[in-house]
Protein backbone atom coordinates (compact mmCIF):
# COMPACT_ATOMS: atom_id res chain seq x y z
CA MET A 1 -3.67 -8.31 14.24
CA LEU A 2 -0.55 -6.41 13.34
CA CYS A 3 0.31 -5.90 9.71
CA LYS A 4 3.56 -5.60 7.88
CA TYR A 5 4.04 -2.14 6.41
CA TYR A 6 5.47 -1.43 2.96
CA LYS A 7 5.94 1.65 0.83
CA ALA A 8 6.31 1.79 -2.93
CA ASN A 9 6.49 4.18 -5.82
CA LEU A 10 4.27 3.22 -8.73
CA GLN A 11 4.13 4.28 -12.35
CA ARG A 12 1.69 7.18 -12.32
CA THR A 13 -0.16 6.03 -15.45
CA THR A 14 -0.78 2.52 -14.15
CA ALA A 15 -1.25 3.04 -10.40
CA TRP A 16 -4.96 2.25 -10.83
CA PHE A 17 -3.96 -1.10 -12.38
CA VAL A 18 -1.69 -2.06 -9.45
CA SER A 19 -4.44 -1.14 -7.00
CA GLY A 20 -6.94 -3.23 -8.95
CA VAL A 21 -4.62 -6.24 -9.11
CA LEU A 22 -4.08 -6.16 -5.35
CA ARG A 23 -7.79 -5.79 -4.63
CA ASN A 24 -8.56 -8.62 -7.04
CA GLU A 25 -6.26 -10.90 -5.04
CA SER A 26 -8.96 -11.48 -2.39
CA ASN A 27 -8.20 -8.16 -0.73
CA LEU A 28 -4.64 -9.26 -0.12
CA VAL A 29 -3.59 -5.87 1.18
CA LEU A 30 -4.90 -2.46 2.16
CA GLU A 31 -3.23 0.14 -0.05
CA ARG A 32 -3.39 3.90 0.14
CA CYS A 33 -1.83 6.71 -1.86
CA LEU A 34 0.39 8.92 0.28
CA ASP A 35 1.49 11.40 -2.39
CA LYS A 36 -0.27 11.73 -5.72
CA PHE A 37 2.59 13.72 -7.24
CA THR A 38 5.29 11.11 -6.57
CA CYS A 39 2.79 8.24 -6.73
CA GLU A 40 3.95 6.94 -3.36
CA PHE A 41 1.72 4.27 -1.86
CA GLU A 42 1.64 2.51 1.47
CA PHE A 43 0.55 -1.08 1.98
CA PHE A 44 -0.70 -2.81 5.11
CA VAL A 45 -0.15 -6.53 4.68
CA PRO A 46 -1.43 -9.17 7.11
CA THR A 47 1.50 -11.33 8.17
CA ASP A 48 -0.09 -14.50 6.82
CA CYS A 49 -0.48 -12.85 3.37
CA GLU A 50 3.04 -11.44 3.15
CA LYS A 51 4.53 -14.26 1.07
CA HIS A 52 1.81 -13.91 -1.60
CA PHE A 53 2.05 -10.10 -1.52
CA LEU A 54 5.80 -10.26 -2.15
CA LYS A 55 5.28 -12.57 -5.14
CA VAL A 56 2.70 -10.23 -6.66
CA MET A 57 4.87 -7.15 -6.04
CA ALA A 58 7.95 -8.85 -7.51
CA PHE A 59 5.95 -9.60 -10.66
CA LEU A 60 4.66 -6.00 -10.87
CA LEU A 61 8.18 -4.70 -10.29
CA GLU A 62 9.55 -6.93 -13.05
CA LYS A 63 6.89 -5.65 -15.46
CA GLY A 64 7.62 -2.01 -14.60
CA PHE A 65 4.33 -1.13 -12.88
CA VAL A 66 6.10 -0.77 -9.52
CA LEU A 67 9.26 1.33 -9.52
CA ASN A 68 10.47 0.27 -6.06
CA PHE A 69 9.12 -1.04 -2.80
CA SER A 70 10.46 -1.83 0.63
CA GLU A 71 9.33 -2.85 4.07
CA GLN A 72 9.21 0.04 6.54
CA LYS A 73 8.48 0.46 10.21
CA ASN A 74 4.70 0.67 10.62
CA ARG A 75 4.06 4.37 11.14
CA PHE A 76 0.96 3.67 13.25
CA LEU A 77 2.83 1.75 15.93
CA ASP A 78 4.54 3.51 18.77
CA GLU A 79 7.15 2.03 21.10
CA ALA A 80 4.58 1.17 23.78
CA THR A 81 2.43 -0.74 21.30
CA GLU A 82 5.42 -2.63 19.88
CA GLN A 83 6.42 -3.84 23.37
CA GLN A 84 3.00 -5.41 23.89
CA PHE A 85 3.51 -7.69 20.89
C-alpha cells in the first residue's frame, strides 16, 4: 500500500504531544522526526486515513501545536515505482 507523504514543523515544546495524539488515533499515521533542531517531522498516511489525518492536523494547527504542514512527494518512491501504481 502506498501512503501519502506530509511534512510539518511542530512547536518544539509540544512535539511529544502531537506525536501522542496521532498515535492515540488508532495509529492513524507513522510519524518521524527529521530534524530535532527545526522540529521538522514527516508523516506517512495511508490513503484511506488521509481525511481523518487532515482533520486532526487542522485542529492541531489551529491550536498552535503545528506551525505548518503540507503534502510532499514521497521521498521513498522513485520514478520506476510510481509508474507501477
